[in-house]
Amino acid sequence: MAKAKTNKQSAPKQSDATYILKLVMYMIIGSLWIKVSSDESNQWPIPIGFMIGILFAMHDHFKIDRKIEYALLLVAMFLGFWLPIGIFITV
């Protein structure tokens, strides 16, 4: 007797190059900060890249490795906090 075909919805496949490019994009975007300062002693850092990266991760077409993307965004955010990466605004 022949087996009946089942309608399986498989996850879309993603190439290795696309995955690496996506991780690099999350690393660059996640490290961006806006640092607003009124003088030398007052500085307010805002993790704008982390917020944008979270939006990208939530609306990703390949919803396979969302936990890895969130973890990479967190690492990039802390790395970007200590490195001089981002936009500096003096008011």
N, C-alpha and C. Protein backbone atom coordinates (compact mmCIF):
# COMPACT_ATOMS: atom_id res chain seq x y z
N MET A 1 0.84 -1.17 0.00
CA MET A 1 0.00 0.00 0.00
C MET A 1 0.89 1.25 0.00
N ALA A 2 0.55 2.22 -0.78
CA ALA A 2 1.34 3.45 -0.89
C ALA A 2 1.07 4.36 0.30
N LYS A 3 2.12 5.05 0.68
CA LYS A 3 1.98 5.99 1.79
C LYS A 3 1.34 7.28 1.31
N ALA A 4 0.49 7.82 2.14
CA ALA A 4 -0.15 9.09 1.80
C ALA A 4 0.85 10.22 2.04
N LYS A 5 0.86 11.18 1.14
CA LYS A 5 1.75 12.33 1.29
C LYS A 5 1.22 13.26 2.36
N THR A 6 2.11 13.71 3.20
CA THR A 6 1.71 14.66 4.23
C THR A 6 2.17 16.04 3.81
N ASN A 7 1.44 17.01 4.21
CA ASN A 7 1.76 18.39 3.90
C ASN A 7 2.60 18.98 5.02
N LYS A 8 3.89 18.81 4.95
CA LYS A 8 4.77 19.36 5.97
C LYS A 8 5.25 20.73 5.54
N GLN A 9 5.19 21.64 6.43
CA GLN A 9 5.72 22.97 6.21
C GLN A 9 7.14 22.99 6.74
N SER A 10 8.12 22.86 5.88
CA SER A 10 9.50 22.85 6.34
C SER A 10 10.01 24.29 6.42
N ALA A 11 10.97 24.49 7.29
CA ALA A 11 11.56 25.81 7.46
C ALA A 11 12.37 26.15 6.22
N PRO A 12 12.37 27.42 5.81
CA PRO A 12 13.14 27.80 4.64
C PRO A 12 14.63 27.61 4.89
N LYS A 13 15.34 27.18 3.86
CA LYS A 13 16.78 26.93 3.99
C LYS A 13 17.54 28.22 3.80
N GLN A 14 18.64 28.33 4.51
CA GLN A 14 19.48 29.52 4.47
C GLN A 14 20.91 29.08 4.22
N SER A 15 21.59 29.74 3.29
CA SER A 15 22.96 29.34 2.99
C SER A 15 23.91 29.80 4.09
N ASP A 16 25.09 29.21 4.13
CA ASP A 16 26.08 29.57 5.15
C ASP A 16 26.54 31.01 4.99
N ALA A 17 26.72 31.45 3.76
CA ALA A 17 27.17 32.83 3.52
C ALA A 17 26.14 33.84 4.00
N THR A 18 24.87 33.55 3.80
CA THR A 18 23.81 34.42 4.28
C THR A 18 23.80 34.47 5.80
N TYR A 19 24.00 33.34 6.44
CA TYR A 19 24.01 33.29 7.90
C TYR A 19 25.17 34.09 8.48
N ILE A 20 26.37 33.93 7.89
CA ILE A 20 27.54 34.69 8.36
C ILE A 20 27.34 36.18 8.14
N LEU A 21 26.81 36.56 6.98
CA LEU A 21 26.55 37.97 6.70
C LEU A 21 25.55 38.56 7.69
N LYS A 22 24.55 37.76 8.04
CA LYS A 22 23.56 38.23 9.01
C LYS A 22 24.18 38.41 10.40
N LEU A 23 25.07 37.52 10.80
CA LEU A 23 25.73 37.66 12.09
C LEU A 23 26.64 38.89 12.12
N VAL A 24 27.33 39.15 11.03
CA VAL A 24 28.19 40.34 10.94
C VAL A 24 27.33 41.60 11.00
N MET A 25 26.18 41.59 10.33
CA MET A 25 25.28 42.73 10.36
C MET A 25 24.78 43.00 11.78
N TYR A 26 24.41 41.92 12.50
CA TYR A 26 23.96 42.11 13.89
C TYR A 26 25.08 42.63 14.77
N MET A 27 26.31 42.21 14.52
CA MET A 27 27.45 42.67 15.31
C MET A 27 27.69 44.17 15.08
N ILE A 28 27.62 44.60 13.84
CA ILE A 28 27.85 46.02 13.53
C ILE A 28 26.71 46.88 14.05
N ILE A 29 25.49 46.48 13.78
CA ILE A 29 24.33 47.28 14.21
C ILE A 29 24.22 47.30 15.73
N GLY A 30 24.45 46.17 16.38
CA GLY A 30 24.30 46.10 17.83
C GLY A 30 25.31 46.92 18.60
N SER A 31 26.44 47.26 17.98
CA SER A 31 27.47 48.02 18.70
C SER A 31 27.28 49.53 18.59
N LEU A 32 26.27 50.00 17.88
CA LEU A 32 26.06 51.44 17.73
C LEU A 32 25.34 52.04 18.94
N TRP A 33 25.87 53.15 19.39
CA TRP A 33 25.30 53.88 20.51
C TRP A 33 25.15 55.34 20.12
N ILE A 34 24.19 56.03 20.72
CA ILE A 34 24.12 57.49 20.67
C ILE A 34 24.46 57.96 22.07
N LYS A 35 25.51 58.76 22.16
CA LYS A 35 25.93 59.29 23.46
C LYS A 35 25.73 60.79 23.47
N VAL A 36 24.77 61.23 24.27
CA VAL A 36 24.42 62.64 24.38
C VAL A 36 25.09 63.19 25.63
N SER A 37 25.82 64.29 25.47
CA SER A 37 26.48 64.89 26.64
C SER A 37 26.26 66.40 26.62
N SER A 38 26.06 66.95 27.81
CA SER A 38 25.91 68.40 27.94
C SER A 38 27.23 69.05 28.32
N ASP A 39 28.06 68.31 29.05
CA ASP A 39 29.42 68.76 29.37
C ASP A 39 30.27 67.52 29.58
N GLU A 40 31.44 67.67 30.11
CA GLU A 40 32.34 66.52 30.28
C GLU A 40 31.86 65.53 31.33
N SER A 41 31.09 65.97 32.32
CA SER A 41 30.70 65.07 33.41
C SER A 41 29.37 64.37 33.16
N ASN A 42 28.47 64.96 32.38
CA ASN A 42 27.16 64.37 32.13
C ASN A 42 27.13 63.73 30.74
N GLN A 43 26.85 62.45 30.72
CA GLN A 43 26.75 61.74 29.46
C GLN A 43 25.65 60.69 29.57
N TRP A 44 24.74 60.66 28.57
CA TRP A 44 23.64 59.71 28.56
C TRP A 44 23.78 58.81 27.35
N PRO A 45 24.22 57.57 27.55
CA PRO A 45 24.33 56.64 26.42
C PRO A 45 22.98 55.96 26.13
N ILE A 46 22.65 55.87 24.86
CA ILE A 46 21.40 55.23 24.42
C ILE A 46 21.77 54.12 23.43
N PRO A 47 21.42 52.86 23.70
CA PRO A 47 21.79 51.75 22.80
C PRO A 47 20.85 51.65 21.59
N ILE A 48 20.97 52.58 20.67
CA ILE A 48 20.07 52.64 19.52
C ILE A 48 20.27 51.43 18.59
N GLY A 49 21.49 50.95 18.46
CA GLY A 49 21.76 49.80 17.61
C GLY A 49 21.12 48.53 18.13
N PHE A 50 21.12 48.37 19.45
CA PHE A 50 20.47 47.20 20.06
C PHE A 50 18.97 47.21 19.78
N MET A 51 18.35 48.38 19.87
CA MET A 51 16.92 48.50 19.62
C MET A 51 16.59 48.19 18.15
N ILE A 52 17.40 48.69 17.24
CA ILE A 52 17.19 48.41 15.82
C ILE A 52 17.43 46.93 15.53
N GLY A 53 18.45 46.36 16.15
CA GLY A 53 18.75 44.94 15.95
C GLY A 53 17.64 44.03 16.46
N ILE A 54 17.02 44.39 17.57
CA ILE A 54 15.89 43.62 18.09
C ILE A 54 14.73 43.65 17.10
N LEU A 55 14.48 44.81 16.50
CA LEU A 55 13.42 44.90 15.50
C LEU A 55 13.73 44.02 14.28
N PHE A 56 14.99 44.03 13.84
CA PHE A 56 15.39 43.16 12.73
C PHE A 56 15.21 41.69 13.08
N ALA A 57 15.60 41.31 14.30
CA ALA A 57 15.51 39.91 14.71
C ALA A 57 14.05 39.46 14.84
N MET A 58 13.18 40.35 15.26
CA MET A 58 11.78 39.99 15.40
C MET A 58 11.10 39.79 14.04
N HIS A 59 11.55 40.52 13.02
CA HIS A 59 10.92 40.44 11.70
C HIS A 59 11.78 39.68 10.70
N ASP A 60 12.62 38.80 11.19
CA ASP A 60 13.51 38.04 10.32
C ASP A 60 12.72 36.99 9.56
N HIS A 61 13.05 36.81 8.29
CA HIS A 61 12.36 35.82 7.46
C HIS A 61 12.71 34.39 7.89
N PHE A 62 13.98 34.16 8.24
CA PHE A 62 14.44 32.85 8.70
C PHE A 62 14.41 32.85 10.22
N LYS A 63 13.30 32.49 10.83
CA LYS A 63 13.16 32.53 12.28
C LYS A 63 13.70 31.24 12.89
N ILE A 64 14.97 30.96 12.62
CA ILE A 64 15.56 29.71 13.08
C ILE A 64 16.40 29.93 14.33
N ASP A 65 17.29 30.90 14.30
CA ASP A 65 18.27 31.10 15.36
C ASP A 65 18.08 32.44 16.06
N ARG A 66 16.88 32.71 16.50
CA ARG A 66 16.59 34.00 17.12
C ARG A 66 17.35 34.16 18.45
N LYS A 67 17.53 33.08 19.21
CA LYS A 67 18.25 33.17 20.49
C LYS A 67 19.71 33.54 20.26
N ILE A 68 20.32 32.99 19.22
CA ILE A 68 21.70 33.33 18.90
C ILE A 68 21.80 34.79 18.48
N GLU A 69 20.84 35.28 17.73
CA GLU A 69 20.84 36.67 17.31
C GLU A 69 20.71 37.60 18.51
N TYR A 70 19.85 37.27 19.46
CA TYR A 70 19.70 38.10 20.66
C TYR A 70 20.99 38.10 21.48
N ALA A 71 21.62 36.95 21.62
CA ALA A 71 22.87 36.87 22.39
C ALA A 71 23.98 37.67 21.70
N LEU A 72 24.06 37.59 20.39
CA LEU A 72 25.06 38.35 19.66
C LEU A 72 24.81 39.84 19.77
N LEU A 73 23.56 40.25 19.76
CA LEU A 73 23.23 41.67 19.95
C LEU A 73 23.65 42.16 21.33
N LEU A 74 23.45 41.34 22.35
CA LEU A 74 23.87 41.73 23.71
C LEU A 74 25.39 41.88 23.81
N VAL A 75 26.12 40.93 23.23
CA VAL A 75 27.58 41.02 23.26
C VAL A 75 28.05 42.25 22.50
N ALA A 76 27.46 42.51 21.34
CA ALA A 76 27.83 43.69 20.55
C ALA A 76 27.48 44.97 21.27
N MET A 77 26.37 44.98 22.00
CA MET A 77 25.97 46.17 22.74
C MET A 77 26.99 46.50 23.83
N PHE A 78 27.42 45.50 24.59
CA PHE A 78 28.41 45.76 25.64
C PHE A 78 29.77 46.10 25.05
N LEU A 79 30.12 45.50 23.94
CA LEU A 79 31.38 45.83 23.28
C LEU A 79 31.35 47.26 22.77
N GLY A 80 30.24 47.66 22.18
CA GLY A 80 30.10 49.02 21.68
C GLY A 80 30.05 50.07 22.77
N PHE A 81 29.68 49.68 23.98
CA PHE A 81 29.64 50.64 25.09
C PHE A 81 31.04 51.08 25.49
N TRP A 82 32.00 50.15 25.47
CA TRP A 82 33.35 50.49 25.90
C TRP A 82 34.23 50.99 24.77
N LEU A 83 33.91 50.65 23.54
CA LEU A 83 34.68 51.14 22.41
C LEU A 83 34.06 52.45 21.90
N PRO A 84 34.85 53.31 21.33
CA PRO A 84 34.29 54.57 20.82
C PRO A 84 33.58 54.38 19.48
N ILE A 85 32.47 53.64 19.50
CA ILE A 85 31.69 53.38 18.29
C ILE A 85 30.33 54.04 18.47
N GLY A 86 29.91 54.80 17.49
CA GLY A 86 28.58 55.38 17.55
C GLY A 86 28.60 56.86 17.25
N ILE A 87 27.55 57.53 17.67
CA ILE A 87 27.36 58.95 17.40
C ILE A 87 27.47 59.69 18.73
N PHE A 88 28.29 60.73 18.74
CA PHE A 88 28.47 61.54 19.95
C PHE A 88 27.83 62.91 19.69
N ILE A 89 26.88 63.29 20.55
CA ILE A 89 26.19 64.55 20.42
C ILE A 89 26.45 65.37 21.67
N THR A 90 26.96 66.57 21.47
CA THR A 90 27.22 67.48 22.59
C THR A 90 26.21 68.62 22.53
N VAL A 91 25.47 68.80 23.63
CA VAL A 91 24.44 69.83 23.69
C VAL A 91 24.94 71.00 24.51
